[in-house]
């Protein structure tokens, strides 16, 4: 049932691969994104420049290549809100009573390896807390709010936003395999000693 005279808008299908390790969530695509049928299509949105710096999926690439770069890096992308009534593009224009959340139970079941969820701004975090948490059983996840990449949030520059978003890349790194143990100090020292001895040089590190 419609609650306002504002247009009804719907978000995109999720971008993911079954081996995703992190999930980045917006609130609802803006009008520029909906018109282009692309995530974060506004030319002044910092999302794709940041993805370019982190994963090589920058705005200079065709859209399909950017998406492939993200899923190959273990990143899934979606929005919290599945549909809502909104006049214009701002989150503040969303009619609260009209919000319907996306199917996160289905997404987490399809991507059991997701361990971190990052919110692109406060609106996404708030919508998730109000419309998702408490309505489904969530797996063990770590949540963090990041500065919004929207051009409407210009208090932080691109460099500061990039520094905050670095955590997405760090969290998307694959965990070492169970049989891949980090080299001990003694092992490293032994390797360095052997290499130095082979060169006839005094080793810099001695095995304990």
C-alpha atoms as a PDB file:
ATOM      1  CA  UNK A   1       0.000   0.000   0.000  1.00  0.00           C
ATOM      2  CA  UNK A   2       1.410   3.375  -1.025  1.00  0.00           C
ATOM      3  CA  UNK A   3       2.092   5.749   1.850  1.00  0.00           C
ATOM      4  CA  UNK A   4       2.996   8.944  -0.086  1.00  0.00           C
ATOM      5  CA  UNK A   5       2.746  10.471  -3.533  1.00  0.00           C
ATOM      6  CA  UNK A   6       6.500  10.015  -4.012  1.00  0.00           C
ATOM      7  CA  UNK A   7       7.689   7.579  -6.708  1.00  0.00           C
ATOM      8  CA  UNK A   8       8.317   3.954  -5.748  1.00  0.00           C
ATOM      9  CA  UNK A   9      11.955   3.035  -6.374  1.00  0.00           C
ATOM     10  CA  UNK A  10      13.623  -0.371  -6.290  1.00  0.00           C
ATOM     11  CA  UNK A  11      17.233  -1.325  -5.735  1.00  0.00           C
ATOM     12  CA  UNK A  12      19.377  -3.554  -7.918  1.00  0.00           C
ATOM     13  CA  UNK A  13      20.053  -7.253  -7.656  1.00  0.00           C
ATOM     14  CA  UNK A  14      23.017  -8.049  -5.406  1.00  0.00           C
ATOM     15  CA  UNK A  15      26.489  -8.364  -6.874  1.00  0.00           C
ATOM     16  CA  UNK A  16      28.232 -11.381  -5.367  1.00  0.00           C
ATOM     17  CA  UNK A  17      30.036 -14.625  -5.887  1.00  0.00           C
ATOM     18  CA  UNK A  18      29.597 -17.569  -3.535  1.00  0.00           C
ATOM     19  CA  UNK A  19      33.130 -17.091  -2.168  1.00  0.00           C
ATOM     20  CA  UNK A  20      32.538 -13.466  -1.086  1.00  0.00           C
ATOM     21  CA  UNK A  21      34.276 -12.463   2.140  1.00  0.00           C
ATOM     22  CA  UNK A  22      33.008  -8.906   2.655  1.00  0.00           C
ATOM     23  CA  UNK A  23      29.711  -7.168   1.914  1.00  0.00           C
ATOM     24  CA  UNK A  24      29.431  -3.440   1.170  1.00  0.00           C
ATOM     25  CA  UNK A  25      25.957  -1.997   1.679  1.00  0.00           C
ATOM     26  CA  UNK A  26      24.453   1.266   0.541  1.00  0.00           C
ATOM     27  CA  UNK A  27      20.983   2.471   1.453  1.00  0.00           C
ATOM     28  CA  UNK A  28      19.166   2.836  -1.906  1.00  0.00           C
ATOM     29  CA  UNK A  29      20.612   3.776  -5.320  1.00  0.00           C
ATOM     30  CA  UNK A  30      20.258   7.448  -6.221  1.00  0.00           C
ATOM     31  CA  UNK A  31      18.447   8.724  -9.286  1.00  0.00           C
ATOM     32  CA  UNK A  32      21.633   8.813 -11.411  1.00  0.00           C
ATOM     33  CA  UNK A  33      22.370   5.180 -10.549  1.00  0.00           C
ATOM     34  CA  UNK A  34      18.799   4.070 -11.243  1.00  0.00           C
ATOM     35  CA  UNK A  35      18.783   5.872 -14.591  1.00  0.00           C
ATOM     36  CA  UNK A  36      22.079   4.237 -15.593  1.00  0.00           C
ATOM     37  CA  UNK A  37      21.188   0.862 -14.020  1.00  0.00           C
ATOM     38  CA  UNK A  38      24.605   0.915 -12.366  1.00  0.00           C
ATOM     39  CA  UNK A  39      25.796   1.000  -8.780  1.00  0.00           C
ATOM     40  CA  UNK A  40      27.197   4.412  -7.778  1.00  0.00           C
ATOM     41  CA  UNK A  41      26.794   5.994 -11.214  1.00  0.00           C
ATOM     42  CA  UNK A  42      26.860   9.641 -10.089  1.00  0.00           C
ATOM     43  CA  UNK A  43      30.079  11.095 -11.553  1.00  0.00           C
ATOM     44  CA  UNK A  44      31.011  12.795  -8.274  1.00  0.00           C
ATOM     45  CA  UNK A  45      30.414   9.743  -6.082  1.00  0.00           C
ATOM     46  CA  UNK A  46      33.763   8.613  -4.643  1.00  0.00           C
ATOM     47  CA  UNK A  47      32.900   4.908  -4.600  1.00  0.00           C
ATOM     48  CA  UNK A  48      34.534   3.876  -7.870  1.00  0.00           C
ATOM     49  CA  UNK A  49      37.661   6.006  -7.418  1.00  0.00           C
ATOM     50  CA  UNK A  50      38.080   4.322  -4.025  1.00  0.00           C
ATOM     51  CA  UNK A  51      37.491   0.872  -5.526  1.00  0.00           C
ATOM     52  CA  UNK A  52      40.090   1.735  -8.147  1.00  0.00           C
ATOM     53  CA  UNK A  53      42.670   2.550  -5.494  1.00  0.00           C
ATOM     54  CA  UNK A  54      41.862  -0.555  -3.439  1.00  0.00           C
ATOM     55  CA  UNK A  55      41.108  -3.222  -6.059  1.00  0.00           C
ATOM     56  CA  UNK A  56      42.000  -1.775  -9.458  1.00  0.00           C
ATOM     57  CA  UNK A  57      38.281  -1.396 -10.259  1.00  0.00           C
ATOM     58  CA  UNK A  58      38.287   2.310 -11.043  1.00  0.00           C
ATOM     59  CA  UNK A  59      35.840   4.438 -13.063  1.00  0.00           C
ATOM     60  CA  UNK A  60      38.110   4.411 -16.124  1.00  0.00           C
ATOM     61  CA  UNK A  61      37.175   0.748 -16.684  1.00  0.00           C
ATOM     62  CA  UNK A  62      33.949  -0.460 -18.303  1.00  0.00           C
ATOM     63  CA  UNK A  63      31.276  -1.121 -15.698  1.00  0.00           C
ATOM     64  CA  UNK A  64      31.299  -4.899 -16.238  1.00  0.00           C
ATOM     65  CA  UNK A  65      35.055  -5.010 -15.614  1.00  0.00           C
ATOM     66  CA  UNK A  66      34.661  -3.057 -12.394  1.00  0.00           C
ATOM     67  CA  UNK A  67      32.078  -5.528 -11.137  1.00  0.00           C
ATOM     68  CA  UNK A  68      34.301  -8.458 -12.068  1.00  0.00           C
ATOM     69  CA  UNK A  69      37.199  -6.839 -10.228  1.00  0.00           C
ATOM     70  CA  UNK A  70      35.144  -6.595  -7.045  1.00  0.00           C
ATOM     71  CA  UNK A  71      33.794 -10.141  -7.048  1.00  0.00           C
ATOM     72  CA  UNK A  72      37.258 -11.485  -7.881  1.00  0.00           C
ATOM     73  CA  UNK A  73      38.555  -9.685  -4.799  1.00  0.00           C
ATOM     74  CA  UNK A  74      35.886 -11.279  -2.572  1.00  0.00           C
ATOM     75  CA  UNK A  75      33.646  -8.198  -2.365  1.00  0.00           C
ATOM     76  CA  UNK A  76      29.853  -8.395  -2.550  1.00  0.00           C
ATOM     77  CA  UNK A  77      27.747  -5.296  -3.186  1.00  0.00           C
ATOM     78  CA  UNK A  78      24.112  -4.500  -2.406  1.00  0.00           C
ATOM     79  CA  UNK A  79      21.740  -2.027  -0.770  1.00  0.00           C
ATOM     80  CA  UNK A  80      19.815  -2.437   2.454  1.00  0.00           C
ATOM     81  CA  UNK A  81      16.515  -1.190   1.070  1.00  0.00           C
ATOM     82  CA  UNK A  82      14.779  -3.285  -1.547  1.00  0.00           C
ATOM     83  CA  UNK A  83      12.096  -0.717  -2.354  1.00  0.00           C
ATOM     84  CA  UNK A  84      10.744   2.503  -0.922  1.00  0.00           C
ATOM     85  CA  UNK A  85       8.964   5.706  -1.817  1.00  0.00           C
ATOM     86  CA  UNK A  86      11.386   8.578  -2.394  1.00  0.00           C
ATOM     87  CA  UNK A  87      11.104  11.993  -3.992  1.00  0.00           C
ATOM     88  CA  UNK A  88      14.474  12.839  -5.512  1.00  0.00           C
ATOM     89  CA  UNK A  89      17.772  11.208  -4.634  1.00  0.00           C
ATOM     90  CA  UNK A  90      18.513  11.997  -1.005  1.00  0.00           C
ATOM     91  CA  UNK A  91      18.173   9.419   1.776  1.00  0.00           C
ATOM     92  CA  UNK A  92      16.373  12.040   3.827  1.00  0.00           C
ATOM     93  CA  UNK A  93      13.576  12.011   1.227  1.00  0.00           C
ATOM     94  CA  UNK A  94      12.778   8.320   1.769  1.00  0.00           C
ATOM     95  CA  UNK A  95       9.336   7.757   3.316  1.00  0.00           C
ATOM     96  CA  UNK A  96      10.193   5.635   6.396  1.00  0.00           C
ATOM     97  CA  UNK A  97       6.907   3.731   6.423  1.00  0.00           C
ATOM     98  CA  UNK A  98       7.439   2.622   2.832  1.00  0.00           C
ATOM     99  CA  UNK A  99      10.765   0.846   3.373  1.00  0.00           C
ATOM    100  CA  UNK A 100      11.045  -2.848   2.540  1.00  0.00           C
ATOM    101  CA  UNK A 101      14.426  -4.472   3.185  1.00  0.00           C
ATOM    102  CA  UNK A 102      16.219  -6.779   0.801  1.00  0.00           C
ATOM    103  CA  UNK A 103      16.455 -10.531   1.407  1.00  0.00           C
ATOM    104  CA  UNK A 104      19.562 -10.789   3.548  1.00  0.00           C
ATOM    105  CA  UNK A 105      18.756 -14.240   4.850  1.00  0.00           C
ATOM    106  CA  UNK A 106      19.010 -15.476   1.271  1.00  0.00           C
ATOM    107  CA  UNK A 107      22.218 -13.560   0.575  1.00  0.00           C
ATOM    108  CA  UNK A 108      24.047 -14.795   3.666  1.00  0.00           C
ATOM    109  CA  UNK A 109      22.946 -18.351   2.918  1.00  0.00           C
ATOM    110  CA  UNK A 110      24.365 -18.016  -0.602  1.00  0.00           C
ATOM    111  CA  UNK A 111      27.625 -16.480   0.686  1.00  0.00           C
ATOM    112  CA  UNK A 112      28.508 -18.329   3.906  1.00  0.00           C
ATOM    113  CA  UNK A 113      32.050 -16.956   3.870  1.00  0.00           C
ATOM    114  CA  UNK A 114      31.046 -13.329   4.443  1.00  0.00           C
ATOM    115  CA  UNK A 115      32.565 -12.226   7.710  1.00  0.00           C
ATOM    116  CA  UNK A 116      32.468  -8.438   7.476  1.00  0.00           C
ATOM    117  CA  UNK A 117      29.668  -6.036   6.545  1.00  0.00           C
ATOM    118  CA  UNK A 118      30.557  -2.429   5.742  1.00  0.00           C
ATOM    119  CA  UNK A 119      27.929   0.314   5.537  1.00  0.00           C
ATOM    120  CA  UNK A 120      28.467   3.084   3.018  1.00  0.00           C
ATOM    121  CA  UNK A 121      27.330   5.859   5.323  1.00  0.00           C
ATOM    122  CA  UNK A 122      24.981   6.321   8.253  1.00  0.00           C
ATOM    123  CA  UNK A 123      21.727   5.878   6.327  1.00  0.00           C
ATOM    124  CA  UNK A 124      22.655   2.338   5.285  1.00  0.00           C
ATOM    125  CA  UNK A 125      23.636   1.394   8.823  1.00  0.00           C
ATOM    126  CA  UNK A 126      20.437   2.855  10.263  1.00  0.00           C
ATOM    127  CA  UNK A 127      18.229   1.096   7.712  1.00  0.00           C
ATOM    128  CA  UNK A 128      19.928  -2.231   8.402  1.00  0.00           C
ATOM    129  CA  UNK A 129      19.506  -1.837  12.155  1.00  0.00           C
ATOM    130  CA  UNK A 130      15.821  -0.915  11.863  1.00  0.00           C
ATOM    131  CA  UNK A 131      14.689  -3.251   9.108  1.00  0.00           C
ATOM    132  CA  UNK A 132      17.030  -6.247   9.088  1.00  0.00           C
ATOM    133  CA  UNK A 133      18.510  -6.858  12.523  1.00  0.00           C
ATOM    134  CA  UNK A 134      15.921  -8.514  14.695  1.00  0.00           C
ATOM    135  CA  UNK A 135      13.916  -9.730  11.719  1.00  0.00           C
ATOM    136  CA  UNK A 136      16.274 -12.552  10.664  1.00  0.00           C
ATOM    137  CA  UNK A 137      18.870 -14.741  12.340  1.00  0.00           C
ATOM    138  CA  UNK A 138      22.239 -13.302  11.364  1.00  0.00           C
ATOM    139  CA  UNK A 139      25.446 -15.318  11.126  1.00  0.00           C
ATOM    140  CA  UNK A 140      28.516 -14.252  13.097  1.00  0.00           C
ATOM    141  CA  UNK A 141      29.452 -10.969  11.403  1.00  0.00           C
ATOM    142  CA  UNK A 142      31.527  -7.893  12.063  1.00  0.00           C
ATOM    143  CA  UNK A 143      29.838  -4.600  11.214  1.00  0.00           C
ATOM    144  CA  UNK A 144      31.426  -1.208  10.550  1.00  0.00           C
ATOM    145  CA  UNK A 145      30.142   2.107   9.242  1.00  0.00           C
ATOM    146  CA  UNK A 146      32.377   3.876   6.736  1.00  0.00           C
ATOM    147  CA  UNK A 147      32.187   7.490   5.560  1.00  0.00           C
ATOM    148  CA  UNK A 148      29.632   7.894   2.806  1.00  0.00           C
ATOM    149  CA  UNK A 149      31.018   8.112  -0.716  1.00  0.00           C
ATOM    150  CA  UNK A 150      28.053  10.254  -1.786  1.00  0.00           C
ATOM    151  CA  UNK A 151      28.819  13.750  -3.127  1.00  0.00           C
ATOM    152  CA  UNK A 152      26.233  14.987  -0.621  1.00  0.00           C
ATOM    153  CA  UNK A 153      28.744  14.167   2.130  1.00  0.00           C
ATOM    154  CA  UNK A 154      31.686  16.369   1.268  1.00  0.00           C
ATOM    155  CA  UNK A 155      32.944  16.988   4.810  1.00  0.00           C
ATOM    156  CA  UNK A 156      35.732  14.468   4.168  1.00  0.00           C
ATOM    157  CA  UNK A 157      37.867  14.601   1.065  1.00  0.00           C
ATOM    158  CA  UNK A 158      38.719  11.655  -1.139  1.00  0.00           C
ATOM    159  CA  UNK A 159      42.033  10.996   0.574  1.00  0.00           C
ATOM    160  CA  UNK A 160      40.428  10.770   4.020  1.00  0.00           C
ATOM    161  CA  UNK A 161      37.635   8.539   2.731  1.00  0.00           C
ATOM    162  CA  UNK A 162      40.141   6.256   1.013  1.00  0.00           C
ATOM    163  CA  UNK A 163      42.095   5.879   4.251  1.00  0.00           C
ATOM    164  CA  UNK A 164      38.910   4.867   6.090  1.00  0.00           C
ATOM    165  CA  UNK A 165      37.884   2.429   3.343  1.00  0.00           C
ATOM    166  CA  UNK A 166      41.244   0.637   3.369  1.00  0.00           C
ATOM    167  CA  UNK A 167      39.708  -1.731   5.927  1.00  0.00           C
ATOM    168  CA  UNK A 168      37.543  -3.214   3.163  1.00  0.00           C
ATOM    169  CA  UNK A 169      40.610  -4.384   1.267  1.00  0.00           C
ATOM    170  CA  UNK A 170      42.249  -5.670   4.440  1.00  0.00           C
ATOM    171  CA  UNK A 171      39.124  -7.655   5.364  1.00  0.00           C
ATOM    172  CA  UNK A 172      38.714  -9.061   1.840  1.00  0.00           C
ATOM    173  CA  UNK A 173      42.138 -10.698   1.899  1.00  0.00           C
ATOM    174  CA  UNK A 174      41.756 -14.501   1.883  1.00  0.00           C
ATOM    175  CA  UNK A 175      42.570 -16.198   5.176  1.00  0.00           C
ATOM    176  CA  UNK A 176      45.666 -18.418   5.067  1.00  0.00           C
ATOM    177  CA  UNK A 177      44.944 -22.089   4.484  1.00  0.00           C
ATOM    178  CA  UNK A 178      44.930 -24.259   7.588  1.00  0.00           C
ATOM    179  CA  UNK A 179      48.158 -25.961   6.541  1.00  0.00           C
ATOM    180  CA  UNK A 180      49.926 -22.681   5.746  1.00  0.00           C
ATOM    181  CA  UNK A 181      51.656 -21.745   8.968  1.00  0.00           C
ATOM    182  CA  UNK A 182      53.561 -18.482   9.232  1.00  0.00           C
ATOM    183  CA  UNK A 183      57.316 -19.031   9.270  1.00  0.00           C
ATOM    184  CA  UNK A 184      58.756 -18.966  12.775  1.00  0.00           C
ATOM    185  CA  UNK A 185      61.572 -16.584  13.682  1.00  0.00           C
ATOM    186  CA  UNK A 186      64.001 -19.509  13.835  1.00  0.00           C
ATOM    187  CA  UNK A 187      62.937 -20.685  10.355  1.00  0.00           C
ATOM    188  CA  UNK A 188      63.368 -17.208   8.896  1.00  0.00           C
ATOM    189  CA  UNK A 189      66.734 -16.822  10.598  1.00  0.00           C
ATOM    190  CA  UNK A 190      67.870 -20.203   9.276  1.00  0.00           C
ATOM    191  CA  UNK A 191      66.845 -19.279   5.735  1.00  0.00           C
ATOM    192  CA  UNK A 192      68.676 -15.963   5.923  1.00  0.00           C
ATOM    193  CA  UNK A 193      71.741 -17.654   7.390  1.00  0.00           C
ATOM    194  CA  UNK A 194      71.873 -20.242   4.589  1.00  0.00           C
ATOM    195  CA  UNK A 195      71.512 -17.538   1.940  1.00  0.00           C
ATOM    196  CA  UNK A 196      74.239 -15.410   3.512  1.00  0.00           C
ATOM    197  CA  UNK A 197      76.565 -18.392   3.898  1.00  0.00           C
ATOM    198  CA  UNK A 198      76.097 -19.286   0.236  1.00  0.00           C
ATOM    199  CA  UNK A 199      77.194 -15.754  -0.689  1.00  0.00           C
ATOM    200  CA  UNK A 200      80.146 -15.926   1.695  1.00  0.00           C
ATOM    201  CA  UNK A 201      78.703 -13.028   3.683  1.00  0.00           C
ATOM    202  CA  UNK A 202      78.196 -12.626   7.411  1.00  0.00           C
ATOM    203  CA  UNK A 203      74.534 -13.386   8.139  1.00  0.00           C
ATOM    204  CA  UNK A 204      72.509 -10.495   9.567  1.00  0.00           C
ATOM    205  CA  UNK A 205      70.278 -12.802  11.589  1.00  0.00           C
ATOM    206  CA  UNK A 206      71.462 -15.736  13.608  1.00  0.00           C
ATOM    207  CA  UNK A 207      69.250 -18.688  14.315  1.00  0.00           C
ATOM    208  CA  UNK A 208      68.215 -18.915  17.941  1.00  0.00           C
END
